[in-house]
Amino acid sequence: MIFEQKENTTIITQEKVSVIELVKKLQVLYPKYKNNNIIIALTSFDVLTKAEIAEFLQLSTTHKAAKHSFVIVSNKIDLDIVPDQMVVAPTIQEAHDIIEMEDMERDLGF
């Protein structure tokens, strides 16, 4: 995993581990990043299944309940299989745009 910090956002890029291993590592490291917005870059995967995406659901729900953004980046995900509670963007730039919009919504009280 590669961790990159930009302002109040942490970008976590998956390298060679499986999704399950990645989620387990994220759960262990979560206290370190829980006060930041999080982008998970899964661009090295050829295909992501519904089960693999669902592995992130609990972490995403917890993070959003704490009023922070959690965005998965991949252009290999069939958006029809993504749970409604999760946010997926095709590029890192679009993930940053989503976080910016969600920050504005939180500032306005939505």
N, C-alpha and C. Protein backbone atom coordinates (compact mmCIF):
# COMPACT_ATOMS: atom_id res chain seq x y z
N MET A 1 0.84 -1.18 0.00
CA MET A 1 0.00 0.00 0.00
C MET A 1 0.88 1.24 0.00
N ILE A 2 0.40 2.22 -0.72
CA ILE A 2 1.08 3.50 -0.76
C ILE A 2 0.13 4.53 -0.15
N PHE A 3 0.62 5.30 0.82
CA PHE A 3 -0.17 6.34 1.46
C PHE A 3 0.35 7.70 1.04
N GLU A 4 -0.57 8.55 0.61
CA GLU A 4 -0.21 9.90 0.19
C GLU A 4 -1.18 10.87 0.86
N GLN A 5 -0.64 11.88 1.52
CA GLN A 5 -1.47 12.85 2.23
C GLN A 5 -1.52 14.15 1.44
N LYS A 6 -2.74 14.63 1.16
CA LYS A 6 -2.94 15.93 0.51
C LYS A 6 -3.98 16.67 1.32
N GLU A 7 -3.54 17.69 2.02
CA GLU A 7 -4.40 18.48 2.90
C GLU A 7 -5.13 17.55 3.87
N ASN A 8 -6.46 17.54 3.83
CA ASN A 8 -7.22 16.69 4.76
C ASN A 8 -7.69 15.39 4.11
N THR A 9 -6.99 14.96 3.07
CA THR A 9 -7.36 13.74 2.36
C THR A 9 -6.16 12.78 2.30
N THR A 10 -6.43 11.52 2.59
CA THR A 10 -5.42 10.48 2.48
C THR A 10 -5.78 9.61 1.28
N ILE A 11 -4.82 9.44 0.38
CA ILE A 11 -5.01 8.58 -0.79
C ILE A 11 -4.24 7.29 -0.51
N ILE A 12 -4.97 6.18 -0.53
CA ILE A 12 -4.37 4.87 -0.30
C ILE A 12 -4.43 4.10 -1.61
N THR A 13 -3.26 3.76 -2.13
CA THR A 13 -3.18 3.07 -3.41
C THR A 13 -2.81 1.62 -3.15
N GLN A 14 -3.62 0.73 -3.69
CA GLN A 14 -3.39 -0.70 -3.56
C GLN A 14 -2.34 -1.10 -4.57
N GLU A 15 -1.41 -1.93 -4.13
CA GLU A 15 -0.39 -2.41 -5.06
C GLU A 15 -0.65 -3.86 -5.46
N LYS A 16 -0.29 -4.81 -4.60
CA LYS A 16 -0.35 -6.20 -5.03
C LYS A 16 -1.17 -7.11 -4.12
N VAL A 17 -1.69 -6.60 -3.02
CA VAL A 17 -2.45 -7.46 -2.13
C VAL A 17 -3.88 -7.63 -2.63
N SER A 18 -4.55 -8.64 -2.11
CA SER A 18 -5.95 -8.85 -2.47
C SER A 18 -6.81 -7.81 -1.76
N VAL A 19 -8.04 -7.69 -2.19
CA VAL A 19 -8.96 -6.73 -1.57
C VAL A 19 -9.17 -7.08 -0.10
N ILE A 20 -9.32 -8.35 0.21
CA ILE A 20 -9.54 -8.76 1.60
C ILE A 20 -8.35 -8.38 2.48
N GLU A 21 -7.13 -8.62 2.00
CA GLU A 21 -5.93 -8.24 2.75
C GLU A 21 -5.86 -6.72 2.91
N LEU A 22 -6.21 -6.00 1.87
CA LEU A 22 -6.20 -4.54 1.91
C LEU A 22 -7.18 -4.03 2.97
N VAL A 23 -8.38 -4.55 2.99
CA VAL A 23 -9.38 -4.11 3.96
C VAL A 23 -8.91 -4.41 5.38
N LYS A 24 -8.33 -5.58 5.59
CA LYS A 24 -7.81 -5.93 6.93
C LYS A 24 -6.73 -4.95 7.36
N LYS A 25 -5.82 -4.59 6.46
CA LYS A 25 -4.78 -3.63 6.80
C LYS A 25 -5.37 -2.25 7.08
N LEU A 26 -6.36 -1.86 6.30
CA LEU A 26 -7.00 -0.57 6.50
C LEU A 26 -7.69 -0.50 7.85
N GLN A 27 -8.33 -1.60 8.26
CA GLN A 27 -9.00 -1.61 9.56
C GLN A 27 -8.00 -1.44 10.69
N VAL A 28 -6.83 -2.04 10.55
CA VAL A 28 -5.79 -1.89 11.58
C VAL A 28 -5.25 -0.46 11.60
N LEU A 29 -5.05 0.13 10.43
CA LEU A 29 -4.48 1.47 10.33
C LEU A 29 -5.52 2.59 10.42
N TYR A 30 -6.78 2.24 10.46
CA TYR A 30 -7.85 3.24 10.42
C TYR A 30 -7.72 4.35 11.46
N PRO A 31 -7.37 4.05 12.72
CA PRO A 31 -7.27 5.14 13.70
C PRO A 31 -6.32 6.27 13.28
N LYS A 32 -5.32 5.95 12.50
CA LYS A 32 -4.36 6.96 12.04
C LYS A 32 -4.98 7.90 11.01
N TYR A 33 -5.96 7.42 10.24
CA TYR A 33 -6.54 8.19 9.14
C TYR A 33 -8.01 8.55 9.34
N LYS A 34 -8.56 8.24 10.50
CA LYS A 34 -10.00 8.40 10.71
C LYS A 34 -10.48 9.85 10.65
N ASN A 35 -9.59 10.82 10.82
CA ASN A 35 -9.99 12.23 10.78
C ASN A 35 -9.79 12.87 9.42
N ASN A 36 -9.39 12.08 8.43
CA ASN A 36 -9.19 12.57 7.06
C ASN A 36 -10.25 12.00 6.13
N ASN A 37 -10.45 12.66 5.02
CA ASN A 37 -11.19 12.04 3.93
C ASN A 37 -10.29 10.95 3.36
N ILE A 38 -10.89 9.87 2.86
CA ILE A 38 -10.10 8.75 2.36
C ILE A 38 -10.48 8.44 0.92
N ILE A 39 -9.44 8.28 0.10
CA ILE A 39 -9.60 7.80 -1.27
C ILE A 39 -8.85 6.48 -1.36
N ILE A 40 -9.54 5.43 -1.81
CA ILE A 40 -8.93 4.13 -2.01
C ILE A 40 -8.78 3.93 -3.52
N ALA A 41 -7.55 3.92 -4.01
CA ALA A 41 -7.29 3.75 -5.44
C ALA A 41 -7.07 2.28 -5.75
N LEU A 42 -8.01 1.70 -6.49
CA LEU A 42 -7.94 0.29 -6.87
C LEU A 42 -7.73 0.15 -8.37
N THR A 43 -6.95 1.02 -8.93
CA THR A 43 -6.78 1.07 -10.38
C THR A 43 -5.97 -0.08 -10.95
N SER A 44 -5.27 -0.83 -10.11
CA SER A 44 -4.46 -1.94 -10.62
C SER A 44 -5.27 -3.22 -10.83
N PHE A 45 -6.51 -3.25 -10.35
CA PHE A 45 -7.36 -4.43 -10.55
C PHE A 45 -7.95 -4.42 -11.95
N ASP A 46 -8.00 -5.59 -12.59
CA ASP A 46 -8.64 -5.69 -13.90
C ASP A 46 -10.15 -5.70 -13.77
N VAL A 47 -10.66 -6.42 -12.77
CA VAL A 47 -12.10 -6.52 -12.52
C VAL A 47 -12.32 -6.58 -11.02
N LEU A 48 -13.37 -5.95 -10.55
CA LEU A 48 -13.74 -6.02 -9.14
C LEU A 48 -15.13 -6.60 -9.03
N THR A 49 -15.30 -7.58 -8.16
CA THR A 49 -16.59 -8.24 -8.00
C THR A 49 -17.42 -7.53 -6.93
N LYS A 50 -18.69 -7.89 -6.89
CA LYS A 50 -19.59 -7.33 -5.88
C LYS A 50 -19.10 -7.68 -4.48
N ALA A 51 -18.62 -8.90 -4.29
CA ALA A 51 -18.12 -9.33 -2.98
C ALA A 51 -16.89 -8.52 -2.56
N GLU A 52 -16.00 -8.24 -3.51
CA GLU A 52 -14.81 -7.45 -3.20
C GLU A 52 -15.18 -6.02 -2.81
N ILE A 53 -16.11 -5.42 -3.52
CA ILE A 53 -16.55 -4.07 -3.19
C ILE A 53 -17.24 -4.05 -1.84
N ALA A 54 -18.05 -5.07 -1.56
CA ALA A 54 -18.77 -5.15 -0.29
C ALA A 54 -17.83 -5.22 0.90
N GLU A 55 -16.60 -5.66 0.70
CA GLU A 55 -15.61 -5.71 1.79
C GLU A 55 -15.36 -4.31 2.38
N PHE A 56 -15.53 -3.27 1.59
CA PHE A 56 -15.29 -1.90 2.04
C PHE A 56 -16.52 -1.26 2.69
N LEU A 57 -17.66 -1.92 2.65
CA LEU A 57 -18.92 -1.31 3.09
C LEU A 57 -18.88 -0.87 4.55
N GLN A 58 -18.44 -1.71 5.44
CA GLN A 58 -18.42 -1.36 6.86
C GLN A 58 -17.50 -0.17 7.12
N LEU A 59 -16.33 -0.20 6.54
CA LEU A 59 -15.37 0.90 6.72
C LEU A 59 -15.94 2.20 6.15
N SER A 60 -16.56 2.12 4.99
CA SER A 60 -17.16 3.29 4.36
C SER A 60 -18.28 3.87 5.23
N THR A 61 -19.14 3.01 5.73
CA THR A 61 -20.26 3.44 6.56
C THR A 61 -19.77 4.11 7.84
N THR A 62 -18.79 3.51 8.48
CA THR A 62 -18.21 4.06 9.71
C THR A 62 -17.61 5.43 9.45
N HIS A 63 -16.88 5.54 8.35
CA HIS A 63 -16.20 6.80 8.04
C HIS A 63 -17.19 7.91 7.71
N LYS A 64 -18.22 7.57 6.97
CA LYS A 64 -19.23 8.58 6.62
C LYS A 64 -20.03 9.02 7.85
N ALA A 65 -20.25 8.10 8.78
CA ALA A 65 -20.96 8.45 10.02
C ALA A 65 -20.16 9.46 10.84
N ALA A 66 -18.85 9.46 10.66
CA ALA A 66 -17.97 10.41 11.35
C ALA A 66 -17.82 11.72 10.56
N LYS A 67 -18.65 11.90 9.54
CA LYS A 67 -18.68 13.12 8.73
C LYS A 67 -17.41 13.34 7.90
N HIS A 68 -16.91 12.25 7.32
CA HIS A 68 -15.78 12.31 6.40
C HIS A 68 -16.13 11.55 5.13
N SER A 69 -15.46 11.88 4.05
CA SER A 69 -15.72 11.22 2.76
C SER A 69 -14.87 9.97 2.61
N PHE A 70 -15.44 8.98 1.92
CA PHE A 70 -14.76 7.72 1.63
C PHE A 70 -15.09 7.39 0.18
N VAL A 71 -14.09 7.45 -0.71
CA VAL A 71 -14.32 7.25 -2.13
C VAL A 71 -13.39 6.17 -2.66
N ILE A 72 -13.94 5.24 -3.42
CA ILE A 72 -13.15 4.21 -4.09
C ILE A 72 -12.94 4.65 -5.53
N VAL A 73 -11.70 4.52 -6.01
CA VAL A 73 -11.39 4.91 -7.38
C VAL A 73 -11.08 3.66 -8.20
N SER A 74 -11.89 3.47 -9.23
CA SER A 74 -11.67 2.38 -10.19
C SER A 74 -12.58 2.61 -11.38
N ASN A 75 -12.06 2.36 -12.55
CA ASN A 75 -12.90 2.43 -13.74
C ASN A 75 -13.26 1.01 -14.21
N LYS A 76 -12.98 0.03 -13.35
CA LYS A 76 -13.26 -1.37 -13.69
C LYS A 76 -14.44 -1.94 -12.90
N ILE A 77 -15.17 -1.09 -12.22
CA ILE A 77 -16.29 -1.54 -11.40
C ILE A 77 -17.60 -1.34 -12.17
N ASP A 78 -18.42 -2.37 -12.19
CA ASP A 78 -19.78 -2.25 -12.72
C ASP A 78 -20.59 -1.49 -11.67
N LEU A 79 -20.99 -0.27 -11.96
CA LEU A 79 -21.67 0.57 -10.97
C LEU A 79 -23.00 -0.01 -10.51
N ASP A 80 -23.57 -0.94 -11.27
CA ASP A 80 -24.82 -1.57 -10.86
C ASP A 80 -24.64 -2.49 -9.67
N ILE A 81 -23.41 -2.93 -9.38
CA ILE A 81 -23.18 -3.84 -8.26
C ILE A 81 -22.71 -3.11 -7.00
N VAL A 82 -22.47 -1.81 -7.10
CA VAL A 82 -21.98 -1.04 -5.96
C VAL A 82 -23.13 -0.72 -5.03
N PRO A 83 -22.99 -1.03 -3.73
CA PRO A 83 -24.05 -0.66 -2.78
C PRO A 83 -24.30 0.85 -2.80
N ASP A 84 -25.55 1.23 -2.58
CA ASP A 84 -25.93 2.64 -2.64
C ASP A 84 -25.18 3.50 -1.62
N GLN A 85 -24.74 2.90 -0.52
CA GLN A 85 -24.06 3.66 0.53
C GLN A 85 -22.62 4.01 0.17
N MET A 86 -22.10 3.46 -0.91
CA MET A 86 -20.70 3.67 -1.26
C MET A 86 -20.57 4.61 -2.46
N VAL A 87 -19.41 5.28 -2.51
CA VAL A 87 -19.14 6.22 -3.60
C VAL A 87 -17.95 5.69 -4.40
N VAL A 88 -18.12 5.61 -5.71
CA VAL A 88 -17.06 5.15 -6.61
C VAL A 88 -16.85 6.22 -7.68
N ALA A 89 -15.58 6.51 -7.95
CA ALA A 89 -15.22 7.46 -9.00
C ALA A 89 -14.24 6.78 -9.96
N PRO A 90 -14.26 7.16 -11.23
CA PRO A 90 -13.36 6.52 -12.19
C PRO A 90 -11.92 7.04 -12.14
N THR A 91 -11.71 8.25 -11.59
CA THR A 91 -10.36 8.82 -11.54
C THR A 91 -10.12 9.48 -10.17
N ILE A 92 -8.85 9.68 -9.86
CA ILE A 92 -8.47 10.37 -8.62
C ILE A 92 -9.03 11.80 -8.62
N GLN A 93 -8.95 12.48 -9.75
CA GLN A 93 -9.45 13.86 -9.83
C GLN A 93 -10.94 13.91 -9.53
N GLU A 94 -11.70 12.97 -10.08
CA GLU A 94 -13.14 12.95 -9.80
C GLU A 94 -13.40 12.62 -8.33
N ALA A 95 -12.56 11.81 -7.73
CA ALA A 95 -12.70 11.52 -6.30
C ALA A 95 -12.50 12.80 -5.48
N HIS A 96 -11.49 13.59 -5.85
CA HIS A 96 -11.27 14.87 -5.17
C HIS A 96 -12.47 15.80 -5.36
N ASP A 97 -13.04 15.81 -6.56
CA ASP A 97 -14.22 16.64 -6.83
C ASP A 97 -15.40 16.22 -5.96
N ILE A 98 -15.60 14.92 -5.81
CA ILE A 98 -16.69 14.40 -4.96
C ILE A 98 -16.47 14.83 -3.52
N ILE A 99 -15.24 14.70 -3.04
CA ILE A 99 -14.93 15.10 -1.66
C ILE A 99 -15.19 16.59 -1.47
N GLU A 100 -14.81 17.40 -2.44
CA GLU A 100 -15.05 18.83 -2.35
C GLU A 100 -16.55 19.14 -2.26
N MET A 101 -17.36 18.45 -3.07
CA MET A 101 -18.82 18.64 -3.01
C MET A 101 -19.38 18.18 -1.67
N GLU A 102 -18.92 17.02 -1.17
CA GLU A 102 -19.40 16.52 0.11
C GLU A 102 -18.98 17.44 1.25
N ASP A 103 -17.79 18.04 1.18
CA ASP A 103 -17.36 19.01 2.19
C ASP A 103 -18.30 20.22 2.20
N MET A 104 -18.66 20.71 1.02
CA MET A 104 -19.59 21.84 0.92
C MET A 104 -20.95 21.47 1.51
N GLU A 105 -21.44 20.28 1.22
CA GLU A 105 -22.72 19.83 1.76
C GLU A 105 -22.67 19.78 3.29
N ARG A 106 -21.56 19.26 3.83
CA ARG A 106 -21.43 19.20 5.30
C ARG A 106 -21.38 20.59 5.89
N ASP A 107 -20.67 21.53 5.23
CA ASP A 107 -20.59 22.90 5.70
C ASP A 107 -21.97 23.58 5.71
N LEU A 108 -22.80 23.18 4.75
CA LEU A 108 -24.15 23.77 4.67
C LEU A 108 -25.15 23.05 5.56
N GLY A 109 -24.72 21.97 6.22
CA GLY A 109 -25.59 21.27 7.15
C GLY A 109 -26.40 20.14 6.55
N PHE A 110 -26.06 19.67 5.38
CA PHE A 110 -26.78 18.57 4.75
C PHE A 110 -26.24 17.24 5.19
